[in-house]
Amino acid sequence: MANSFLAASDVVVVATKNAGKVKEFAHALSKLGKQTSSLLDHADFPDIIEDGETFASNARIKAKTAGDALGVPVLADDSGLRVHALGGEPGVYSARYAGEGAKDADNNAKLLRELSRLETEGDNQANETLADGSKLLSGAQFVCALALYDPATGGFLETEGTVDGWITDKAHGSGGFGYDPLFWLTSLGRGMAELSTEEKQRISHRGDALKKLIALLEQ
């Protein structure tokens, strides 16, 4: 059943206009001999309203909306950051944490303000200082939910991936996107934004979810 999702198509449409995500999906799906298209190739496609209460429900909403409109199988993700000291925020609001239309820099700045406020109030204590003098402010987890939707059958394939780390008070690296510059991987002693595409694919939440999805597709 899994192979039927992509057997008739050489192209996988990814329901995103985020160029960084498209790059990561293309890198992973090339292993299946598939080319990647995205909503960047459909400039007039309207923004999809993501009003689900979980990452998984938002991924399903995006995949089904785009799949039904385009008439082809569509892969969608909903990814976000859970910060322990903030009770799991920003969660499903990660992309618009600083408001609708917020840029990555705006969201990162708000995250640091919120953690700084907690530290000032004594509700959050930095756990460690890194060699460059930056502080680990809170444990955190990146989450990625994937949904591959086939409009011909109405069926879904779904996976979820996670990666644990820490939020730092200073950016590390210039790669990646979203909250990557502030996400520190203690197991590697490096920031997420310091990793190459291949390294990130191996350990990231999106890479984890994609590996699980590809395993299903190869069955």
C-alpha atoms as a PDB file:
ATOM      1  CA  MET A   1       0.000   0.000   0.000  1.00  0.00           C
ATOM      2  CA  ALA A   2       2.789   2.444   0.883  1.00  0.00           C
ATOM      3  CA  ASN A   3       4.432   2.299  -2.542  1.00  0.00           C
ATOM      4  CA  SER A   4       1.136   3.141  -4.253  1.00  0.00           C
ATOM      5  CA  PHE A   5       1.418   6.717  -2.999  1.00  0.00           C
ATOM      6  CA  LEU A   6       4.315   7.513  -5.324  1.00  0.00           C
ATOM      7  CA  ALA A   7       4.385   4.693  -7.864  1.00  0.00           C
ATOM      8  CA  ALA A   8       2.614   6.692 -10.572  1.00  0.00           C
ATOM      9  CA  SER A   9       4.520   9.944 -10.076  1.00  0.00           C
ATOM     10  CA  ASP A  10       8.155  10.945 -10.509  1.00  0.00           C
ATOM     11  CA  VAL A  11       7.515  14.243  -8.736  1.00  0.00           C
ATOM     12  CA  VAL A  12       6.569  14.787  -5.104  1.00  0.00           C
ATOM     13  CA  VAL A  13       4.780  18.059  -4.395  1.00  0.00           C
ATOM     14  CA  VAL A  14       5.712  19.466  -0.999  1.00  0.00           C
ATOM     15  CA  ALA A  15       3.103  21.720   0.570  1.00  0.00           C
ATOM     16  CA  THR A  16       5.401  24.557   1.607  1.00  0.00           C
ATOM     17  CA  LYS A  17       6.771  27.838   0.324  1.00  0.00           C
ATOM     18  CA  ASN A  18       9.735  27.618   2.695  1.00  0.00           C
ATOM     19  CA  ALA A  19      12.844  27.237   0.533  1.00  0.00           C
ATOM     20  CA  GLY A  20      14.832  25.762   3.418  1.00  0.00           C
ATOM     21  CA  LYS A  21      12.313  22.968   3.916  1.00  0.00           C
ATOM     22  CA  VAL A  22      12.143  22.303   0.173  1.00  0.00           C
ATOM     23  CA  LYS A  23      15.913  21.811   0.113  1.00  0.00           C
ATOM     24  CA  GLU A  24      15.783  19.287   2.961  1.00  0.00           C
ATOM     25  CA  PHE A  25      12.872  17.360   1.436  1.00  0.00           C
ATOM     26  CA  ALA A  26      14.532  17.274  -1.997  1.00  0.00           C
ATOM     27  CA  HIS A  27      17.744  15.908  -0.508  1.00  0.00           C
ATOM     28  CA  ALA A  28      15.900  13.083   1.269  1.00  0.00           C
ATOM     29  CA  LEU A  29      13.460  12.157  -1.489  1.00  0.00           C
ATOM     30  CA  SER A  30      16.165  12.044  -4.161  1.00  0.00           C
ATOM     31  CA  LYS A  31      17.108   8.687  -2.603  1.00  0.00           C
ATOM     32  CA  LEU A  32      13.824   7.335  -3.972  1.00  0.00           C
ATOM     33  CA  GLY A  33      14.568   8.706  -7.433  1.00  0.00           C
ATOM     34  CA  LYS A  34      11.907  11.379  -7.009  1.00  0.00           C
ATOM     35  CA  GLN A  35      12.095  15.016  -8.020  1.00  0.00           C
ATOM     36  CA  THR A  36      10.641  17.602  -5.670  1.00  0.00           C
ATOM     37  CA  SER A  37       8.184  20.319  -6.555  1.00  0.00           C
ATOM     38  CA  SER A  38       6.634  22.680  -4.041  1.00  0.00           C
ATOM     39  CA  LEU A  39       4.132  25.469  -3.643  1.00  0.00           C
ATOM     40  CA  LEU A  40       6.928  27.834  -4.681  1.00  0.00           C
ATOM     41  CA  ASP A  41       6.163  26.506  -8.161  1.00  0.00           C
ATOM     42  CA  HIS A  42       2.522  27.520  -7.736  1.00  0.00           C
ATOM     43  CA  ALA A  43       2.878  31.207  -6.922  1.00  0.00           C
ATOM     44  CA  ASP A  44      -0.877  31.813  -7.027  1.00  0.00           C
ATOM     45  CA  PHE A  45      -1.664  29.017  -4.569  1.00  0.00           C
ATOM     46  CA  PRO A  46      -3.334  30.658  -1.543  1.00  0.00           C
ATOM     47  CA  ASP A  47      -1.908  30.357   1.943  1.00  0.00           C
ATOM     48  CA  ILE A  48      -3.309  27.346   3.775  1.00  0.00           C
ATOM     49  CA  ILE A  49      -4.995  28.071   7.087  1.00  0.00           C
ATOM     50  CA  GLU A  50      -3.304  25.972   9.783  1.00  0.00           C
ATOM     51  CA  ASP A  51      -5.849  25.855  12.580  1.00  0.00           C
ATOM     52  CA  GLY A  52      -5.089  22.411  13.981  1.00  0.00           C
ATOM     53  CA  GLU A  53      -4.246  21.931  17.642  1.00  0.00           C
ATOM     54  CA  THR A  54      -1.334  19.568  16.991  1.00  0.00           C
ATOM     55  CA  PHE A  55       1.575  19.333  14.569  1.00  0.00           C
ATOM     56  CA  ALA A  56       0.051  16.179  13.060  1.00  0.00           C
ATOM     57  CA  SER A  57      -3.346  17.768  12.424  1.00  0.00           C
ATOM     58  CA  ASN A  58      -1.754  20.787  10.740  1.00  0.00           C
ATOM     59  CA  ALA A  59       0.324  18.518   8.493  1.00  0.00           C
ATOM     60  CA  ARG A  60      -2.824  16.646   7.455  1.00  0.00           C
ATOM     61  CA  ILE A  61      -4.677  19.903   6.755  1.00  0.00           C
ATOM     62  CA  LYS A  62      -1.897  21.182   4.493  1.00  0.00           C
ATOM     63  CA  ALA A  63      -1.416  17.902   2.643  1.00  0.00           C
ATOM     64  CA  LYS A  64      -5.141  17.379   1.988  1.00  0.00           C
ATOM     65  CA  THR A  65      -5.812  21.000   0.981  1.00  0.00           C
ATOM     66  CA  ALA A  66      -2.964  21.052  -1.529  1.00  0.00           C
ATOM     67  CA  GLY A  67      -3.541  17.480  -2.711  1.00  0.00           C
ATOM     68  CA  ASP A  68      -7.234  17.996  -3.429  1.00  0.00           C
ATOM     69  CA  ALA A  69      -6.526  21.292  -5.219  1.00  0.00           C
ATOM     70  CA  LEU A  70      -3.657  19.978  -7.358  1.00  0.00           C
ATOM     71  CA  GLY A  71      -4.964  16.450  -7.858  1.00  0.00           C
ATOM     72  CA  VAL A  72      -1.640  14.806  -7.038  1.00  0.00           C
ATOM     73  CA  PRO A  73      -0.056  13.193  -3.969  1.00  0.00           C
ATOM     74  CA  VAL A  74       1.280  15.865  -1.638  1.00  0.00           C
ATOM     75  CA  LEU A  75       3.716  15.721   1.276  1.00  0.00           C
ATOM     76  CA  ALA A  76       3.268  18.263   4.056  1.00  0.00           C
ATOM     77  CA  ASP A  77       4.933  18.881   7.357  1.00  0.00           C
ATOM     78  CA  ASP A  78       4.249  20.911  10.430  1.00  0.00           C
ATOM     79  CA  SER A  79       7.298  21.583  12.507  1.00  0.00           C
ATOM     80  CA  GLY A  80       7.926  23.576  15.599  1.00  0.00           C
ATOM     81  CA  LEU A  81       9.809  24.157  18.802  1.00  0.00           C
ATOM     82  CA  ARG A  82       8.815  23.194  22.317  1.00  0.00           C
ATOM     83  CA  VAL A  83      10.742  25.057  25.005  1.00  0.00           C
ATOM     84  CA  HIS A  84      10.546  23.407  28.405  1.00  0.00           C
ATOM     85  CA  ALA A  85      10.889  26.593  30.476  1.00  0.00           C
ATOM     86  CA  LEU A  86       7.988  28.119  28.536  1.00  0.00           C
ATOM     87  CA  GLY A  87       5.650  25.193  29.112  1.00  0.00           C
ATOM     88  CA  GLY A  88       6.057  23.893  25.576  1.00  0.00           C
ATOM     89  CA  GLU A  89       5.695  27.215  23.770  1.00  0.00           C
ATOM     90  CA  PRO A  90       5.804  28.270  21.018  1.00  0.00           C
ATOM     91  CA  GLY A  91       4.609  24.826  19.836  1.00  0.00           C
ATOM     92  CA  VAL A  92       2.213  24.906  16.868  1.00  0.00           C
ATOM     93  CA  TYR A  93       2.584  28.700  16.823  1.00  0.00           C
ATOM     94  CA  SER A  94       6.336  28.515  16.188  1.00  0.00           C
ATOM     95  CA  ALA A  95       6.222  30.083  12.717  1.00  0.00           C
ATOM     96  CA  ARG A  96       4.077  32.996  13.934  1.00  0.00           C
ATOM     97  CA  TYR A  97       5.309  33.304  17.517  1.00  0.00           C
ATOM     98  CA  ALA A  98       5.953  37.036  17.099  1.00  0.00           C
ATOM     99  CA  GLY A  99       2.717  37.537  15.151  1.00  0.00           C
ATOM    100  CA  GLU A 100       1.298  36.834  11.717  1.00  0.00           C
ATOM    101  CA  GLY A 101       3.884  37.425   9.009  1.00  0.00           C
ATOM    102  CA  ALA A 102       6.752  37.294  11.506  1.00  0.00           C
ATOM    103  CA  LYS A 103      10.216  36.615  10.123  1.00  0.00           C
ATOM    104  CA  ASP A 104      12.671  34.149  11.667  1.00  0.00           C
ATOM    105  CA  ALA A 105      14.592  36.992  13.309  1.00  0.00           C
ATOM    106  CA  ASP A 106      11.393  38.300  14.929  1.00  0.00           C
ATOM    107  CA  ASN A 107      10.496  34.891  16.356  1.00  0.00           C
ATOM    108  CA  ASN A 108      14.022  34.308  17.654  1.00  0.00           C
ATOM    109  CA  ALA A 109      14.069  37.728  19.289  1.00  0.00           C
ATOM    110  CA  LYS A 110      10.738  37.089  21.045  1.00  0.00           C
ATOM    111  CA  LEU A 111      11.934  33.693  22.264  1.00  0.00           C
ATOM    112  CA  LEU A 112      15.023  35.259  23.831  1.00  0.00           C
ATOM    113  CA  ARG A 113      12.930  38.028  25.401  1.00  0.00           C
ATOM    114  CA  GLU A 114      10.587  35.506  27.002  1.00  0.00           C
ATOM    115  CA  LEU A 115      13.458  33.419  28.386  1.00  0.00           C
ATOM    116  CA  SER A 116      15.269  36.547  29.580  1.00  0.00           C
ATOM    117  CA  ARG A 117      12.116  37.632  31.386  1.00  0.00           C
ATOM    118  CA  LEU A 118      11.921  34.310  33.199  1.00  0.00           C
ATOM    119  CA  GLU A 119      15.571  34.522  34.166  1.00  0.00           C
ATOM    120  CA  THR A 120      15.095  38.047  35.501  1.00  0.00           C
ATOM    121  CA  GLU A 121      12.110  36.892  37.536  1.00  0.00           C
ATOM    122  CA  GLY A 122      14.103  33.978  38.895  1.00  0.00           C
ATOM    123  CA  ASP A 123      11.891  31.366  37.238  1.00  0.00           C
ATOM    124  CA  ASN A 124      14.564  30.170  34.839  1.00  0.00           C
ATOM    125  CA  GLN A 125      18.215  29.557  35.602  1.00  0.00           C
ATOM    126  CA  ALA A 126      20.860  29.018  32.925  1.00  0.00           C
ATOM    127  CA  ASN A 127      22.198  25.492  33.276  1.00  0.00           C
ATOM    128  CA  GLU A 128      25.621  25.899  31.717  1.00  0.00           C
ATOM    129  CA  THR A 129      27.945  28.380  30.069  1.00  0.00           C
ATOM    130  CA  LEU A 130      29.559  27.305  26.812  1.00  0.00           C
ATOM    131  CA  ALA A 131      33.178  27.878  25.845  1.00  0.00           C
ATOM    132  CA  ASP A 132      32.277  31.026  23.891  1.00  0.00           C
ATOM    133  CA  GLY A 133      30.510  32.505  26.927  1.00  0.00           C
ATOM    134  CA  SER A 134      26.963  31.911  25.727  1.00  0.00           C
ATOM    135  CA  LYS A 135      24.422  30.401  28.118  1.00  0.00           C
ATOM    136  CA  LEU A 136      22.112  27.422  27.807  1.00  0.00           C
ATOM    137  CA  LEU A 137      18.763  28.947  28.766  1.00  0.00           C
ATOM    138  CA  SER A 138      16.359  26.023  28.577  1.00  0.00           C
ATOM    139  CA  GLY A 139      16.006  22.492  27.341  1.00  0.00           C
ATOM    140  CA  ALA A 140      13.976  22.295  24.145  1.00  0.00           C
ATOM    141  CA  GLN A 141      12.730  19.903  21.509  1.00  0.00           C
ATOM    142  CA  PHE A 142      12.160  20.299  17.783  1.00  0.00           C
ATOM    143  CA  VAL A 143       9.177  18.314  16.474  1.00  0.00           C
ATOM    144  CA  CYS A 144       8.241  17.468  12.885  1.00  0.00           C
ATOM    145  CA  ALA A 145       5.007  15.770  11.818  1.00  0.00           C
ATOM    146  CA  LEU A 146       4.804  14.551   8.204  1.00  0.00           C
ATOM    147  CA  ALA A 147       1.679  13.652   6.242  1.00  0.00           C
ATOM    148  CA  LEU A 148       1.721  12.208   2.716  1.00  0.00           C
ATOM    149  CA  TYR A 149      -1.755  12.411   1.186  1.00  0.00           C
ATOM    150  CA  ASP A 150      -3.119  10.645  -1.905  1.00  0.00           C
ATOM    151  CA  PRO A 151      -6.256  12.420  -3.222  1.00  0.00           C
ATOM    152  CA  ALA A 152      -7.140   9.381  -5.342  1.00  0.00           C
ATOM    153  CA  THR A 153      -7.742   7.241  -2.254  1.00  0.00           C
ATOM    154  CA  GLY A 154      -8.057   9.796   0.537  1.00  0.00           C
ATOM    155  CA  GLY A 155      -5.328   7.908   2.385  1.00  0.00           C
ATOM    156  CA  PHE A 156      -2.451   9.257   4.484  1.00  0.00           C
ATOM    157  CA  LEU A 157       0.999   8.064   5.474  1.00  0.00           C
ATOM    158  CA  GLU A 158       2.166   9.814   8.652  1.00  0.00           C
ATOM    159  CA  THR A 159       5.360   9.919  10.703  1.00  0.00           C
ATOM    160  CA  GLU A 160       6.813  12.109  13.440  1.00  0.00           C
ATOM    161  CA  GLY A 161      10.402  12.942  14.362  1.00  0.00           C
ATOM    162  CA  THR A 162      12.020  14.802  17.250  1.00  0.00           C
ATOM    163  CA  VAL A 163      15.424  16.046  18.358  1.00  0.00           C
ATOM    164  CA  ASP A 164      16.362  17.342  21.817  1.00  0.00           C
ATOM    165  CA  GLY A 165      18.690  20.215  22.587  1.00  0.00           C
ATOM    166  CA  TRP A 166      19.010  23.555  24.357  1.00  0.00           C
ATOM    167  CA  ILE A 167      18.177  27.168  23.583  1.00  0.00           C
ATOM    168  CA  THR A 168      21.218  29.447  23.828  1.00  0.00           C
ATOM    169  CA  ASP A 169      21.270  33.191  24.405  1.00  0.00           C
ATOM    170  CA  LYS A 170      23.453  33.731  21.323  1.00  0.00           C
ATOM    171  CA  ALA A 171      23.218  32.475  17.757  1.00  0.00           C
ATOM    172  CA  HIS A 172      25.627  29.792  16.555  1.00  0.00           C
ATOM    173  CA  GLY A 173      26.138  29.364  12.827  1.00  0.00           C
ATOM    174  CA  SER A 174      24.494  30.940   9.802  1.00  0.00           C
ATOM    175  CA  GLY A 175      22.917  27.894   8.134  1.00  0.00           C
ATOM    176  CA  GLY A 176      19.479  26.417   8.542  1.00  0.00           C
ATOM    177  CA  PHE A 177      16.375  28.512   9.179  1.00  0.00           C
ATOM    178  CA  GLY A 178      13.762  29.183  11.840  1.00  0.00           C
ATOM    179  CA  TYR A 179      15.098  28.681  15.360  1.00  0.00           C
ATOM    180  CA  ASP A 180      18.167  26.706  14.188  1.00  0.00           C
ATOM    181  CA  PRO A 181      20.691  29.436  15.178  1.00  0.00           C
ATOM    182  CA  LEU A 182      19.550  29.272  18.824  1.00  0.00           C
ATOM    183  CA  PHE A 183      19.300  25.463  19.073  1.00  0.00           C
ATOM    184  CA  TRP A 184      22.359  23.856  20.660  1.00  0.00           C
ATOM    185  CA  LEU A 185      23.077  20.137  20.343  1.00  0.00           C
ATOM    186  CA  THR A 186      25.009  19.080  23.423  1.00  0.00           C
ATOM    187  CA  SER A 187      25.731  15.644  21.932  1.00  0.00           C
ATOM    188  CA  LEU A 188      27.641  17.300  19.080  1.00  0.00           C
ATOM    189  CA  GLY A 189      28.866  20.413  20.845  1.00  0.00           C
ATOM    190  CA  ARG A 190      27.539  22.492  17.952  1.00  0.00           C
ATOM    191  CA  GLY A 191      24.506  24.514  16.972  1.00  0.00           C
ATOM    192  CA  MET A 192      21.893  23.262  14.521  1.00  0.00           C
ATOM    193  CA  ALA A 193      22.741  26.144  12.168  1.00  0.00           C
ATOM    194  CA  GLU A 194      26.382  24.989  12.086  1.00  0.00           C
ATOM    195  CA  LEU A 195      25.551  21.633  10.494  1.00  0.00           C
ATOM    196  CA  SER A 196      25.773  20.773   6.801  1.00  0.00           C
ATOM    197  CA  THR A 197      22.625  19.594   5.019  1.00  0.00           C
ATOM    198  CA  GLU A 198      23.837  15.992   5.269  1.00  0.00           C
ATOM    199  CA  GLU A 199      24.615  16.282   8.989  1.00  0.00           C
ATOM    200  CA  LYS A 200      21.291  17.946   9.722  1.00  0.00           C
ATOM    201  CA  GLN A 201      19.437  15.280   7.756  1.00  0.00           C
ATOM    202  CA  ARG A 202      20.972  12.604   9.976  1.00  0.00           C
ATOM    203  CA  ILE A 203      20.004  14.080  13.333  1.00  0.00           C
ATOM    204  CA  SER A 204      17.225  16.650  12.908  1.00  0.00           C
ATOM    205  CA  HIS A 205      13.543  16.247  13.682  1.00  0.00           C
ATOM    206  CA  ARG A 206      12.713  16.588   9.995  1.00  0.00           C
ATOM    207  CA  GLY A 207      15.435  14.140   9.049  1.00  0.00           C
ATOM    208  CA  ASP A 208      14.102  11.680  11.640  1.00  0.00           C
ATOM    209  CA  ALA A 209      10.543  11.959  10.301  1.00  0.00           C
ATOM    210  CA  LEU A 210      11.728  11.668   6.689  1.00  0.00           C
ATOM    211  CA  LYS A 211      13.769   8.542   7.423  1.00  0.00           C
ATOM    212  CA  LYS A 212      10.673   6.913   8.919  1.00  0.00           C
ATOM    213  CA  LEU A 213       8.550   7.960   5.943  1.00  0.00           C
ATOM    214  CA  ILE A 214      11.054   6.693   3.389  1.00  0.00           C
ATOM    215  CA  ALA A 215      11.223   3.372   5.246  1.00  0.00           C
ATOM    216  CA  LEU A 216       7.435   3.064   4.823  1.00  0.00           C
ATOM    217  CA  LEU A 217       7.652   3.964   1.142  1.00  0.00           C
ATOM    218  CA  GLU A 218      10.360   1.375   0.548  1.00  0.00           C
ATOM    219  CA  GLN A 219       8.333  -1.462   2.080  1.00  0.00           C
END
